[in-house]
Amino acid sequence: MFYTEKLTLDQLINNIRKNEKSLAFCVYGSIPSENAKLSTPCVIDDYPEITDDDDEVFPDTVTEAKLHFWFRDELLEDVISNATMQNPKVTNEEILAAINYYDEHDTFMPLT
């Protein structure tokens, strides 16, 4: 994986499930994250810089493309790890639901 790489959420989840992460990143997309599906394209890029006034300055590629901030890599790793511990056969669709649940509720979604 590399900065400014474009992939679908399905591909990103698969990469993280296979432990193919090689850098710290944030995920950005052209629509709000809650509307994203597994087939939705996203971009991975660097973390925003934090100014002395605690403002976030996103990478130029993100602001130029008018992308929305979606998630930090740690959130994805934690949610995917939790979901696969709850159910080793969890689908990527269920993982995406768990990611959105965590993003909204700040807690892990129980899987049945």
PDB file of N, CA and C in Angstrom:
ATOM      1  N   MET A   1       0.844  -1.172   0.000  1.00  0.00           N
ATOM      2  CA  MET A   1       0.000   0.000   0.000  1.00  0.00           C
ATOM      3  C   MET A   1       0.892   1.238   0.000  1.00  0.00           C
ATOM      4  N   PHE A   2       0.387   2.300  -0.614  1.00  0.00           N
ATOM      5  CA  PHE A   2       1.152   3.544  -0.691  1.00  0.00           C
ATOM      6  C   PHE A   2       0.201   4.730  -0.668  1.00  0.00           C
ATOM      7  N   TYR A   3       0.739   5.902  -0.286  1.00  0.00           N
ATOM      8  CA  TYR A   3      -0.085   7.106  -0.247  1.00  0.00           C
ATOM      9  C   TYR A   3      -0.615   7.443  -1.628  1.00  0.00           C
ATOM     10  N   THR A   4      -1.800   7.976  -1.636  1.00  0.00           N
ATOM     11  CA  THR A   4      -2.590   8.344  -2.814  1.00  0.00           C
ATOM     12  C   THR A   4      -3.071   7.122  -3.589  1.00  0.00           C
ATOM     13  N   GLU A   5      -2.892   5.942  -3.022  1.00  0.00           N
ATOM     14  CA  GLU A   5      -3.403   4.736  -3.679  1.00  0.00           C
ATOM     15  C   GLU A   5      -4.922   4.753  -3.656  1.00  0.00           C
ATOM     16  N   LYS A   6      -5.512   4.415  -4.786  1.00  0.00           N
ATOM     17  CA  LYS A   6      -6.968   4.319  -4.901  1.00  0.00           C
ATOM     18  C   LYS A   6      -7.342   2.841  -4.928  1.00  0.00           C
ATOM     19  N   LEU A   7      -8.320   2.489  -4.100  1.00  0.00           N
ATOM     20  CA  LEU A   7      -8.817   1.134  -4.055  1.00  0.00           C
ATOM     21  C   LEU A   7     -10.240   1.157  -3.521  1.00  0.00           C
ATOM     22  N   THR A   8     -10.927   0.041  -3.610  1.00  0.00           N
ATOM     23  CA  THR A   8     -12.276  -0.023  -3.062  1.00  0.00           C
ATOM     24  C   THR A   8     -12.188  -0.353  -1.571  1.00  0.00           C
ATOM     25  N   LEU A   9     -13.265  -0.093  -0.860  1.00  0.00           N
ATOM     26  CA  LEU A   9     -13.293  -0.470   0.555  1.00  0.00           C
ATOM     27  C   LEU A   9     -13.114  -1.974   0.728  1.00  0.00           C
ATOM     28  N   ASP A  10     -13.651  -2.748  -0.187  1.00  0.00           N
ATOM     29  CA  ASP A  10     -13.482  -4.198  -0.140  1.00  0.00           C
ATOM     30  C   ASP A  10     -11.998  -4.565  -0.219  1.00  0.00           C
ATOM     31  N   GLN A  11     -11.280  -3.949  -1.138  1.00  0.00           N
ATOM     32  CA  GLN A  11      -9.839  -4.219  -1.270  1.00  0.00           C
ATOM     33  C   GLN A  11      -9.086  -3.785  -0.021  1.00  0.00           C
ATOM     34  N   LEU A  12      -9.451  -2.633   0.523  1.00  0.00           N
ATOM     35  CA  LEU A  12      -8.782  -2.135   1.722  1.00  0.00           C
ATOM     36  C   LEU A  12      -9.003  -3.077   2.899  1.00  0.00           C
ATOM     37  N   ILE A  13     -10.238  -3.503   3.099  1.00  0.00           N
ATOM     38  CA  ILE A  13     -10.527  -4.449   4.190  1.00  0.00           C
ATOM     39  C   ILE A  13      -9.747  -5.741   3.991  1.00  0.00           C
ATOM     40  N   ASN A  14      -9.704  -6.251   2.775  1.00  0.00           N
ATOM     41  CA  ASN A  14      -8.933  -7.471   2.507  1.00  0.00           C
ATOM     42  C   ASN A  14      -7.457  -7.282   2.824  1.00  0.00           C
ATOM     43  N   ASN A  15      -6.887  -6.142   2.458  1.00  0.00           N
ATOM     44  CA  ASN A  15      -5.477  -5.874   2.753  1.00  0.00           C
ATOM     45  C   ASN A  15      -5.217  -5.874   4.252  1.00  0.00           C
ATOM     46  N   ILE A  16      -6.101  -5.236   4.991  1.00  0.00           N
ATOM     47  CA  ILE A  16      -5.912  -5.177   6.448  1.00  0.00           C
ATOM     48  C   ILE A  16      -6.135  -6.556   7.065  1.00  0.00           C
ATOM     49  N   ARG A  17      -7.093  -7.305   6.568  1.00  0.00           N
ATOM     50  CA  ARG A  17      -7.326  -8.664   7.080  1.00  0.00           C
ATOM     51  C   ARG A  17      -6.097  -9.551   6.864  1.00  0.00           C
ATOM     52  N   LYS A  18      -5.365  -9.316   5.775  1.00  0.00           N
ATOM     53  CA  LYS A  18      -4.165 -10.104   5.470  1.00  0.00           C
ATOM     54  C   LYS A  18      -2.911  -9.515   6.107  1.00  0.00           C
ATOM     55  N   ASN A  19      -3.078  -8.479   6.921  1.00  0.00           N
ATOM     56  CA  ASN A  19      -1.944  -7.799   7.554  1.00  0.00           C
ATOM     57  C   ASN A  19      -0.959  -7.262   6.530  1.00  0.00           C
ATOM     58  N   GLU A  20      -1.483  -6.695   5.451  1.00  0.00           N
ATOM     59  CA  GLU A  20      -0.636  -6.141   4.397  1.00  0.00           C
ATOM     60  C   GLU A  20      -0.464  -4.635   4.532  1.00  0.00           C
ATOM     61  N   LYS A  21      -0.574  -4.144   5.721  1.00  0.00           N
ATOM     62  CA  LYS A  21      -0.411  -2.712   5.969  1.00  0.00           C
ATOM     63  C   LYS A  21       1.071  -2.409   6.143  1.00  0.00           C
ATOM     64  N   SER A  22       1.564  -1.417   5.409  1.00  0.00           N
ATOM     65  CA  SER A  22       2.982  -1.093   5.491  1.00  0.00           C
ATOM     66  C   SER A  22       3.238   0.349   5.900  1.00  0.00           C
ATOM     67  N   LEU A  23       2.177   1.121   6.153  1.00  0.00           N
ATOM     68  CA  LEU A  23       2.350   2.512   6.546  1.00  0.00           C
ATOM     69  C   LEU A  23       1.147   2.980   7.335  1.00  0.00           C
ATOM     70  N   ALA A  24       1.328   4.085   8.056  1.00  0.00           N
ATOM     71  CA  ALA A  24       0.218   4.698   8.779  1.00  0.00           C
ATOM     72  C   ALA A  24      -0.534   5.579   7.795  1.00  0.00           C
ATOM     73  N   PHE A  25      -1.876   5.514   7.839  1.00  0.00           N
ATOM     74  CA  PHE A  25      -2.651   6.258   6.854  1.00  0.00           C
ATOM     75  C   PHE A  25      -4.034   6.600   7.362  1.00  0.00           C
ATOM     76  N   CYS A  26      -4.674   7.481   6.634  1.00  0.00           N
ATOM     77  CA  CYS A  26      -6.090   7.775   6.805  1.00  0.00           C
ATOM     78  C   CYS A  26      -6.786   7.416   5.504  1.00  0.00           C
ATOM     79  N   VAL A  27      -8.072   7.182   5.604  1.00  0.00           N
ATOM     80  CA  VAL A  27      -8.877   6.834   4.435  1.00  0.00           C
ATOM     81  C   VAL A  27      -9.784   8.018   4.125  1.00  0.00           C
ATOM     82  N   TYR A  28      -9.839   8.364   2.843  1.00  0.00           N
ATOM     83  CA  TYR A  28     -10.629   9.493   2.367  1.00  0.00           C
ATOM     84  C   TYR A  28     -11.503   9.027   1.212  1.00  0.00           C
ATOM     85  N   GLY A  29     -12.645   9.691   1.031  1.00  0.00           N
ATOM     86  CA  GLY A  29     -13.522   9.338  -0.076  1.00  0.00           C
ATOM     87  C   GLY A  29     -14.281  10.542  -0.593  1.00  0.00           C
ATOM     88  N   SER A  30     -14.892  10.376  -1.752  1.00  0.00           N
ATOM     89  CA  SER A  30     -15.595  11.483  -2.395  1.00  0.00           C
ATOM     90  C   SER A  30     -17.010  11.687  -1.863  1.00  0.00           C
ATOM     91  N   ILE A  31     -17.513  10.732  -1.085  1.00  0.00           N
ATOM     92  CA  ILE A  31     -18.839  10.848  -0.476  1.00  0.00           C
ATOM     93  C   ILE A  31     -18.691  10.659   1.027  1.00  0.00           C
ATOM     94  N   PRO A  32     -19.686  11.017   1.824  1.00  0.00           N
ATOM     95  CA  PRO A  32     -19.600  10.747   3.259  1.00  0.00           C
ATOM     96  C   PRO A  32     -19.450   9.240   3.529  1.00  0.00           C
ATOM     97  N   SER A  33     -18.678   8.901   4.529  1.00  0.00           N
ATOM     98  CA  SER A  33     -18.359   7.492   4.808  1.00  0.00           C
ATOM     99  C   SER A  33     -19.592   6.641   5.068  1.00  0.00           C
ATOM    100  N   GLU A  34     -20.617   7.209   5.690  1.00  0.00           N
ATOM    101  CA  GLU A  34     -21.802   6.412   6.006  1.00  0.00           C
ATOM    102  C   GLU A  34     -22.562   5.970   4.759  1.00  0.00           C
ATOM    103  N   ASN A  35     -22.275   6.582   3.614  1.00  0.00           N
ATOM    104  CA  ASN A  35     -22.922   6.189   2.356  1.00  0.00           C
ATOM    105  C   ASN A  35     -22.077   5.218   1.537  1.00  0.00           C
ATOM    106  N   ALA A  36     -20.898   4.898   2.011  1.00  0.00           N
ATOM    107  CA  ALA A  36     -19.978   4.043   1.251  1.00  0.00           C
ATOM    108  C   ALA A  36     -20.413   2.580   1.293  1.00  0.00           C
ATOM    109  N   LYS A  37     -20.142   1.912   0.205  1.00  0.00           N
ATOM    110  CA  LYS A  37     -20.375   0.471   0.076  1.00  0.00           C
ATOM    111  C   LYS A  37     -19.027  -0.194  -0.176  1.00  0.00           C
ATOM    112  N   LEU A  38     -18.994  -1.511  -0.187  1.00  0.00           N
ATOM    113  CA  LEU A  38     -17.727  -2.209  -0.421  1.00  0.00           C
ATOM    114  C   LEU A  38     -17.114  -1.844  -1.767  1.00  0.00           C
ATOM    115  N   SER A  39     -17.936  -1.537  -2.741  1.00  0.00           N
ATOM    116  CA  SER A  39     -17.434  -1.208  -4.082  1.00  0.00           C
ATOM    117  C   SER A  39     -17.047   0.262  -4.231  1.00  0.00           C
ATOM    118  N   THR A  40     -17.265   1.057  -3.192  1.00  0.00           N
ATOM    119  CA  THR A  40     -16.964   2.487  -3.256  1.00  0.00           C
ATOM    120  C   THR A  40     -15.455   2.712  -3.262  1.00  0.00           C
ATOM    121  N   PRO A  41     -14.978   3.515  -4.199  1.00  0.00           N
ATOM    122  CA  PRO A  41     -13.544   3.829  -4.214  1.00  0.00           C
ATOM    123  C   PRO A  41     -13.176   4.732  -3.036  1.00  0.00           C
ATOM    124  N   CYS A  42     -11.969   4.545  -2.567  1.00  0.00           N
ATOM    125  CA  CYS A  42     -11.430   5.401  -1.519  1.00  0.00           C
ATOM    126  C   CYS A  42      -9.952   5.631  -1.814  1.00  0.00           C
ATOM    127  N   VAL A  43      -9.363   6.543  -1.078  1.00  0.00           N
ATOM    128  CA  VAL A  43      -7.948   6.879  -1.252  1.00  0.00           C
ATOM    129  C   VAL A  43      -7.297   6.801   0.118  1.00  0.00           C
ATOM    130  N   ILE A  44      -6.134   6.200   0.170  1.00  0.00           N
ATOM    131  CA  ILE A  44      -5.373   6.252   1.414  1.00  0.00           C
ATOM    132  C   ILE A  44      -4.300   7.314   1.246  1.00  0.00           C
ATOM    133  N   ASP A  45      -4.119   8.082   2.299  1.00  0.00           N
ATOM    134  CA  ASP A  45      -3.118   9.143   2.269  1.00  0.00           C
ATOM    135  C   ASP A  45      -2.644   9.388   3.689  1.00  0.00           C
ATOM    136  N   ASP A  46      -1.780  10.339   3.833  1.00  0.00           N
ATOM    137  CA  ASP A  46      -1.152  10.646   5.102  1.00  0.00           C
ATOM    138  C   ASP A  46      -2.169  11.235   6.085  1.00  0.00           C
ATOM    139  N   TYR A  47      -1.794  11.213   7.350  1.00  0.00           N
ATOM    140  CA  TYR A  47      -2.579  11.862   8.391  1.00  0.00           C
ATOM    141  C   TYR A  47      -2.562  13.368   8.168  1.00  0.00           C
ATOM    142  N   PRO A  48      -3.587  14.061   8.623  1.00  0.00           N
ATOM    143  CA  PRO A  48      -3.523  15.521   8.553  1.00  0.00           C
ATOM    144  C   PRO A  48      -2.479  16.040   9.543  1.00  0.00           C
ATOM    145  N   GLU A  49      -1.900  17.178   9.222  1.00  0.00           N
ATOM    146  CA  GLU A  49      -1.003  17.847  10.161  1.00  0.00           C
ATOM    147  C   GLU A  49      -1.863  18.661  11.111  1.00  0.00           C
ATOM    148  N   ILE A  50      -1.421  18.778  12.345  1.00  0.00           N
ATOM    149  CA  ILE A  50      -2.146  19.566  13.341  1.00  0.00           C
ATOM    150  C   ILE A  50      -1.347  20.846  13.586  1.00  0.00           C
ATOM    151  N   THR A  51      -2.018  21.990  13.409  1.00  0.00           N
ATOM    152  CA  THR A  51      -1.346  23.271  13.597  1.00  0.00           C
ATOM    153  C   THR A  51      -1.273  23.611  15.077  1.00  0.00           C
ATOM    154  N   ASP A  52      -0.569  24.692  15.393  1.00  0.00           N
ATOM    155  CA  ASP A  52      -0.485  25.160  16.779  1.00  0.00           C
ATOM    156  C   ASP A  52      -1.850  25.549  17.331  1.00  0.00           C
ATOM    157  N   ASP A  53      -2.788  25.874  16.439  1.00  0.00           N
ATOM    158  CA  ASP A  53      -4.150  26.227  16.850  1.00  0.00           C
ATOM    159  C   ASP A  53      -5.084  25.016  16.852  1.00  0.00           C
ATOM    160  N   ASP A  54      -4.512  23.825  16.752  1.00  0.00           N
ATOM    161  CA  ASP A  54      -5.264  22.560  16.729  1.00  0.00           C
ATOM    162  C   ASP A  54      -6.165  22.413  15.510  1.00  0.00           C
ATOM    163  N   ASP A  55      -5.828  23.086  14.413  1.00  0.00           N
ATOM    164  CA  ASP A  55      -6.539  22.903  13.153  1.00  0.00           C
ATOM    165  C   ASP A  55      -5.894  21.755  12.393  1.00  0.00           C
ATOM    166  N   GLU A  56      -6.716  21.006  11.668  1.00  0.00           N
ATOM    167  CA  GLU A  56      -6.204  19.917  10.842  1.00  0.00           C
ATOM    168  C   GLU A  56      -5.935  20.435   9.435  1.00  0.00           C
ATOM    169  N   VAL A  57      -4.743  20.144   8.935  1.00  0.00           N
ATOM    170  CA  VAL A  57      -4.387  20.500   7.562  1.00  0.00           C
ATOM    171  C   VAL A  57      -4.186  19.191   6.817  1.00  0.00           C
ATOM    172  N   PHE A  58      -5.113  18.909   5.921  1.00  0.00           N
ATOM    173  CA  PHE A  58      -5.087  17.644   5.204  1.00  0.00           C
ATOM    174  C   PHE A  58      -4.076  17.704   4.058  1.00  0.00           C
ATOM    175  N   PRO A  59      -3.600  16.548   3.610  1.00  0.00           N
ATOM    176  CA  PRO A  59      -2.660  16.533   2.481  1.00  0.00           C
ATOM    177  C   PRO A  59      -3.256  17.250   1.263  1.00  0.00           C
ATOM    178  N   ASP A  60      -2.386  17.875   0.480  1.00  0.00           N
ATOM    179  CA  ASP A  60      -2.831  18.622  -0.700  1.00  0.00           C
ATOM    180  C   ASP A  60      -3.680  17.773  -1.631  1.00  0.00           C
ATOM    181  N   THR A  61      -3.289  16.522  -1.816  1.00  0.00           N
ATOM    182  CA  THR A  61      -4.051  15.652  -2.728  1.00  0.00           C
ATOM    183  C   THR A  61      -5.482  15.459  -2.256  1.00  0.00           C
ATOM    184  N   VAL A  62      -5.686  15.471  -0.955  1.00  0.00           N
ATOM    185  CA  VAL A  62      -7.023  15.295  -0.377  1.00  0.00           C
ATOM    186  C   VAL A  62      -7.850  16.565  -0.572  1.00  0.00           C
ATOM    187  N   THR A  63      -7.259  17.722  -0.258  1.00  0.00           N
ATOM    188  CA  THR A  63      -8.018  18.965  -0.383  1.00  0.00           C
ATOM    189  C   THR A  63      -8.273  19.318  -1.847  1.00  0.00           C
ATOM    190  N   GLU A  64      -7.306  19.068  -2.713  1.00  0.00           N
ATOM    191  CA  GLU A  64      -7.493  19.372  -4.138  1.00  0.00           C
ATOM    192  C   GLU A  64      -8.606  18.528  -4.747  1.00  0.00           C
ATOM    193  N   ALA A  65      -8.733  17.282  -4.308  1.00  0.00           N
ATOM    194  CA  ALA A  65      -9.787  16.396  -4.822  1.00  0.00           C
ATOM    195  C   ALA A  65     -11.100  16.553  -4.051  1.00  0.00           C
ATOM    196  N   LYS A  66     -11.103  17.429  -3.030  1.00  0.00           N
ATOM    197  CA  LYS A  66     -12.295  17.680  -2.201  1.00  0.00           C
ATOM    198  C   LYS A  66     -12.836  16.398  -1.581  1.00  0.00           C
ATOM    199  N   LEU A  67     -11.915  15.602  -1.022  1.00  0.00           N
ATOM    200  CA  LEU A  67     -12.290  14.334  -0.410  1.00  0.00           C
ATOM    201  C   LEU A  67     -12.707  14.529   1.040  1.00  0.00           C
ATOM    202  N   HIS A  68     -13.582  13.658   1.505  1.00  0.00           N
ATOM    203  CA  HIS A  68     -14.015  13.626   2.897  1.00  0.00           C
ATOM    204  C   HIS A  68     -13.060  12.734   3.685  1.00  0.00           C
ATOM    205  N   PHE A  69     -12.772  13.134   4.914  1.00  0.00           N
ATOM    206  CA  PHE A  69     -12.036  12.248   5.816  1.00  0.00           C
ATOM    207  C   PHE A  69     -12.984  11.135   6.242  1.00  0.00           C
ATOM    208  N   TRP A  70     -12.514   9.880   6.162  1.00  0.00           N
ATOM    209  CA  TRP A  70     -13.344   8.756   6.578  1.00  0.00           C
ATOM    210  C   TRP A  70     -12.855   8.145   7.890  1.00  0.00           C
ATOM    211  N   PHE A  71     -11.669   7.553   7.875  1.00  0.00           N
ATOM    212  CA  PHE A  71     -11.197   6.806   9.040  1.00  0.00           C
ATOM    213  C   PHE A  71      -9.687   6.872   9.156  1.00  0.00           C
ATOM    214  N   ARG A  72      -9.212   6.654  10.363  1.00  0.00           N
ATOM    215  CA  ARG A  72      -7.774   6.446  10.602  1.00  0.00           C
ATOM    216  C   ARG A  72      -7.511   4.943  10.544  1.00  0.00           C
ATOM    217  N   ASP A  73      -6.306   4.594  10.198  1.00  0.00           N
ATOM    218  CA  ASP A  73      -5.955   3.183  10.064  1.00  0.00           C
ATOM    219  C   ASP A  73      -6.167   2.399  11.357  1.00  0.00           C
ATOM    220  N   GLU A  74      -5.914   3.023  12.502  1.00  0.00           N
ATOM    221  CA  GLU A  74      -6.077   2.306  13.772  1.00  0.00           C
ATOM    222  C   GLU A  74      -7.522   1.873  13.995  1.00  0.00           C
ATOM    223  N   LEU A  75      -8.480   2.734  13.631  1.00  0.00           N
ATOM    224  CA  LEU A  75      -9.884   2.370  13.793  1.00  0.00           C
ATOM    225  C   LEU A  75     -10.199   1.143  12.950  1.00  0.00           C
ATOM    226  N   LEU A  76      -9.753   1.158  11.697  1.00  0.00           N
ATOM    227  CA  LEU A  76     -10.019   0.014  10.819  1.00  0.00           C
ATOM    228  C   LEU A  76      -9.397  -1.256  11.375  1.00  0.00           C
ATOM    229  N   GLU A  77      -8.154  -1.171  11.798  1.00  0.00           N
ATOM    230  CA  GLU A  77      -7.473  -2.356  12.343  1.00  0.00           C
ATOM    231  C   GLU A  77      -8.185  -2.888  13.577  1.00  0.00           C
ATOM    232  N   ASP A  78      -8.587  -1.987  14.480  1.00  0.00           N
ATOM    233  CA  ASP A  78      -9.256  -2.420  15.708  1.00  0.00           C
ATOM    234  C   ASP A  78     -10.606  -3.060  15.415  1.00  0.00           C
ATOM    235  N   VAL A  79     -11.387  -2.439  14.542  1.00  0.00           N
ATOM    236  CA  VAL A  79     -12.723  -2.983  14.235  1.00  0.00           C
ATOM    237  C   VAL A  79     -12.608  -4.316  13.509  1.00  0.00           C
ATOM    238  N   ILE A  80     -11.710  -4.404  12.546  1.00  0.00           N
ATOM    239  CA  ILE A  80     -11.536  -5.659  11.806  1.00  0.00           C
ATOM    240  C   ILE A  80     -11.041  -6.758  12.727  1.00  0.00           C
ATOM    241  N   SER A  81     -10.099  -6.438  13.594  1.00  0.00           N
ATOM    242  CA  SER A  81      -9.585  -7.423  14.545  1.00  0.00           C
ATOM    243  C   SER A  81     -10.699  -7.901  15.479  1.00  0.00           C
ATOM    244  N   ASN A  82     -11.477  -6.970  16.006  1.00  0.00           N
ATOM    245  CA  ASN A  82     -12.571  -7.332  16.899  1.00  0.00           C
ATOM    246  C   ASN A  82     -13.612  -8.192  16.186  1.00  0.00           C
ATOM    247  N   ALA A  83     -13.966  -7.802  14.966  1.00  0.00           N
ATOM    248  CA  ALA A  83     -14.979  -8.554  14.214  1.00  0.00           C
ATOM    249  C   ALA A  83     -14.510  -9.971  13.911  1.00  0.00           C
ATOM    250  N   THR A  84     -13.250 -10.139  13.533  1.00  0.00           N
ATOM    251  CA  THR A  84     -12.753 -11.477  13.213  1.00  0.00           C
ATOM    252  C   THR A  84     -12.560 -12.321  14.476  1.00  0.00           C
ATOM    253  N   MET A  85     -12.322 -11.674  15.612  1.00  0.00           N
ATOM    254  CA  MET A  85     -12.265 -12.433  16.869  1.00  0.00           C
ATOM    255  C   MET A  85     -13.658 -12.923  17.255  1.00  0.00           C
ATOM    256  N   GLN A  86     -14.667 -12.085  17.027  1.00  0.00           N
ATOM    257  CA  GLN A  86     -16.042 -12.488  17.341  1.00  0.00           C
ATOM    258  C   GLN A  86     -16.528 -13.587  16.403  1.00  0.00           C
ATOM    259  N   ASN A  87     -16.128 -13.484  15.133  1.00  0.00           N
ATOM    260  CA  ASN A  87     -16.577 -14.451  14.139  1.00  0.00           C
ATOM    261  C   ASN A  87     -15.491 -14.596  13.074  1.00  0.00           C
ATOM    262  N   PRO A  88     -14.695 -15.652  13.121  1.00  0.00           N
ATOM    263  CA  PRO A  88     -13.626 -15.828  12.147  1.00  0.00           C
ATOM    264  C   PRO A  88     -14.101 -15.863  10.693  1.00  0.00           C
ATOM    265  N   LYS A  89     -15.382 -16.123  10.481  1.00  0.00           N
ATOM    266  CA  LYS A  89     -15.924 -16.185   9.122  1.00  0.00           C
ATOM    267  C   LYS A  89     -16.697 -14.916   8.768  1.00  0.00           C
ATOM    268  N   VAL A  90     -16.457 -13.829   9.497  1.00  0.00           N
ATOM    269  CA  VAL A  90     -17.165 -12.583   9.247  1.00  0.00           C
ATOM    270  C   VAL A  90     -16.919 -12.116   7.808  1.00  0.00           C
ATOM    271  N   THR A  91     -17.966 -11.609   7.188  1.00  0.00           N
ATOM    272  CA  THR A  91     -17.845 -11.126   5.806  1.00  0.00           C
ATOM    273  C   THR A  91     -17.380  -9.674   5.797  1.00  0.00           C
ATOM    274  N   ASN A  92     -16.896  -9.231   4.655  1.00  0.00           N
ATOM    275  CA  ASN A  92     -16.499  -7.836   4.524  1.00  0.00           C
ATOM    276  C   ASN A  92     -17.702  -6.904   4.650  1.00  0.00           C
ATOM    277  N   GLU A  93     -18.863  -7.357   4.232  1.00  0.00           N
ATOM    278  CA  GLU A  93     -20.093  -6.566   4.391  1.00  0.00           C
ATOM    279  C   GLU A  93     -20.385  -6.348   5.875  1.00  0.00           C
ATOM    280  N   GLU A  94     -20.233  -7.397   6.681  1.00  0.00           N
ATOM    281  CA  GLU A  94     -20.436  -7.270   8.126  1.00  0.00           C
ATOM    282  C   GLU A  94     -19.372  -6.370   8.745  1.00  0.00           C
ATOM    283  N   ILE A  95     -18.151  -6.474   8.240  1.00  0.00           N
ATOM    284  CA  ILE A  95     -17.078  -5.611   8.743  1.00  0.00           C
ATOM    285  C   ILE A  95     -17.375  -4.154   8.430  1.00  0.00           C
ATOM    286  N   LEU A  96     -17.856  -3.869   7.230  1.00  0.00           N
ATOM    287  CA  LEU A  96     -18.204  -2.493   6.883  1.00  0.00           C
ATOM    288  C   LEU A  96     -19.306  -1.972   7.804  1.00  0.00           C
ATOM    289  N   ALA A  97     -20.295  -2.809   8.100  1.00  0.00           N
ATOM    290  CA  ALA A  97     -21.346  -2.413   9.047  1.00  0.00           C
ATOM    291  C   ALA A  97     -20.738  -2.140  10.425  1.00  0.00           C
ATOM    292  N   ALA A  98     -19.782  -2.962  10.840  1.00  0.00           N
ATOM    293  CA  ALA A  98     -19.129  -2.781  12.132  1.00  0.00           C
ATOM    294  C   ALA A  98     -18.283  -1.498  12.160  1.00  0.00           C
ATOM    295  N   ILE A  99     -17.650  -1.166  11.044  1.00  0.00           N
ATOM    296  CA  ILE A  99     -16.875   0.074  10.945  1.00  0.00           C
ATOM    297  C   ILE A  99     -17.805   1.278  11.096  1.00  0.00           C
ATOM    298  N   ASN A 100     -18.917   1.260  10.368  1.00  0.00           N
ATOM    299  CA  ASN A 100     -19.872   2.363  10.464  1.00  0.00           C
ATOM    300  C   ASN A 100     -20.483   2.454  11.861  1.00  0.00           C
ATOM    301  N   TYR A 101     -20.754   1.309  12.475  1.00  0.00           N
ATOM    302  CA  TYR A 101     -21.295   1.281  13.829  1.00  0.00           C
ATOM    303  C   TYR A 101     -20.302   1.921  14.801  1.00  0.00           C
ATOM    304  N   TYR A 102     -19.046   1.521  14.703  1.00  0.00           N
ATOM    305  CA  TYR A 102     -18.028   2.081  15.600  1.00  0.00           C
ATOM    306  C   TYR A 102     -17.876   3.583  15.375  1.00  0.00           C
ATOM    307  N   ASP A 103     -17.883   3.998  14.114  1.00  0.00           N
ATOM    308  CA  ASP A 103     -17.735   5.414  13.790  1.00  0.00           C
ATOM    309  C   ASP A 103     -18.871   6.236  14.404  1.00  0.00           C
ATOM    310  N   GLU A 104     -20.060   5.663  14.459  1.00  0.00           N
ATOM    311  CA  GLU A 104     -21.222   6.391  15.005  1.00  0.00           C
ATOM    312  C   GLU A 104     -21.334   6.280  16.520  1.00  0.00           C
ATOM    313  N   HIS A 105     -21.017   5.086  17.084  1.00  0.00           N
ATOM    314  CA  HIS A 105     -21.275   4.831  18.506  1.00  0.00           C
ATOM    315  C   HIS A 105     -20.013   4.781  19.381  1.00  0.00           C
ATOM    316  N   ASP A 106     -18.852   4.803  18.780  1.00  0.00           N
ATOM    317  CA  ASP A 106     -17.583   4.738  19.494  1.00  0.00           C
ATOM    318  C   ASP A 106     -17.466   3.492  20.385  1.00  0.00           C
ATOM    319  N   THR A 107     -18.017   2.401  19.881  1.00  0.00           N
ATOM    320  CA  THR A 107     -17.914   1.105  20.539  1.00  0.00           C
ATOM    321  C   THR A 107     -18.059   0.014  19.490  1.00  0.00           C
ATOM    322  N   PHE A 108     -17.588  -1.172  19.815  1.00  0.00           N
ATOM    323  CA  PHE A 108     -17.661  -2.276  18.855  1.00  0.00           C
ATOM    324  C   PHE A 108     -19.075  -2.804  18.726  1.00  0.00           C
ATOM    325  N   MET A 109     -19.414  -3.216  17.527  1.00  0.00           N
ATOM    326  CA  MET A 109     -20.718  -3.785  17.247  1.00  0.00           C
ATOM    327  C   MET A 109     -20.703  -5.265  17.604  1.00  0.00           C
ATOM    328  N   PRO A 110     -21.666  -5.723  18.394  1.00  0.00           N
ATOM    329  CA  PRO A 110     -21.733  -7.163  18.645  1.00  0.00           C
ATOM    330  C   PRO A 110     -22.203  -7.892  17.386  1.00  0.00           C
ATOM    331  N   LEU A 111     -21.479  -8.923  17.021  1.00  0.00           N
ATOM    332  CA  LEU A 111     -21.858  -9.733  15.862  1.00  0.00           C
ATOM    333  C   LEU A 111     -22.517 -11.008  16.361  1.00  0.00           C
ATOM    334  N   THR A 112     -23.537 -11.435  15.640  1.00  0.00           N
ATOM    335  CA  THR A 112     -24.221 -12.668  16.072  1.00  0.00           C
ATOM    336  C   THR A 112     -23.928 -13.774  15.115  1.00  0.00           C
TER     337      THR A 112
END
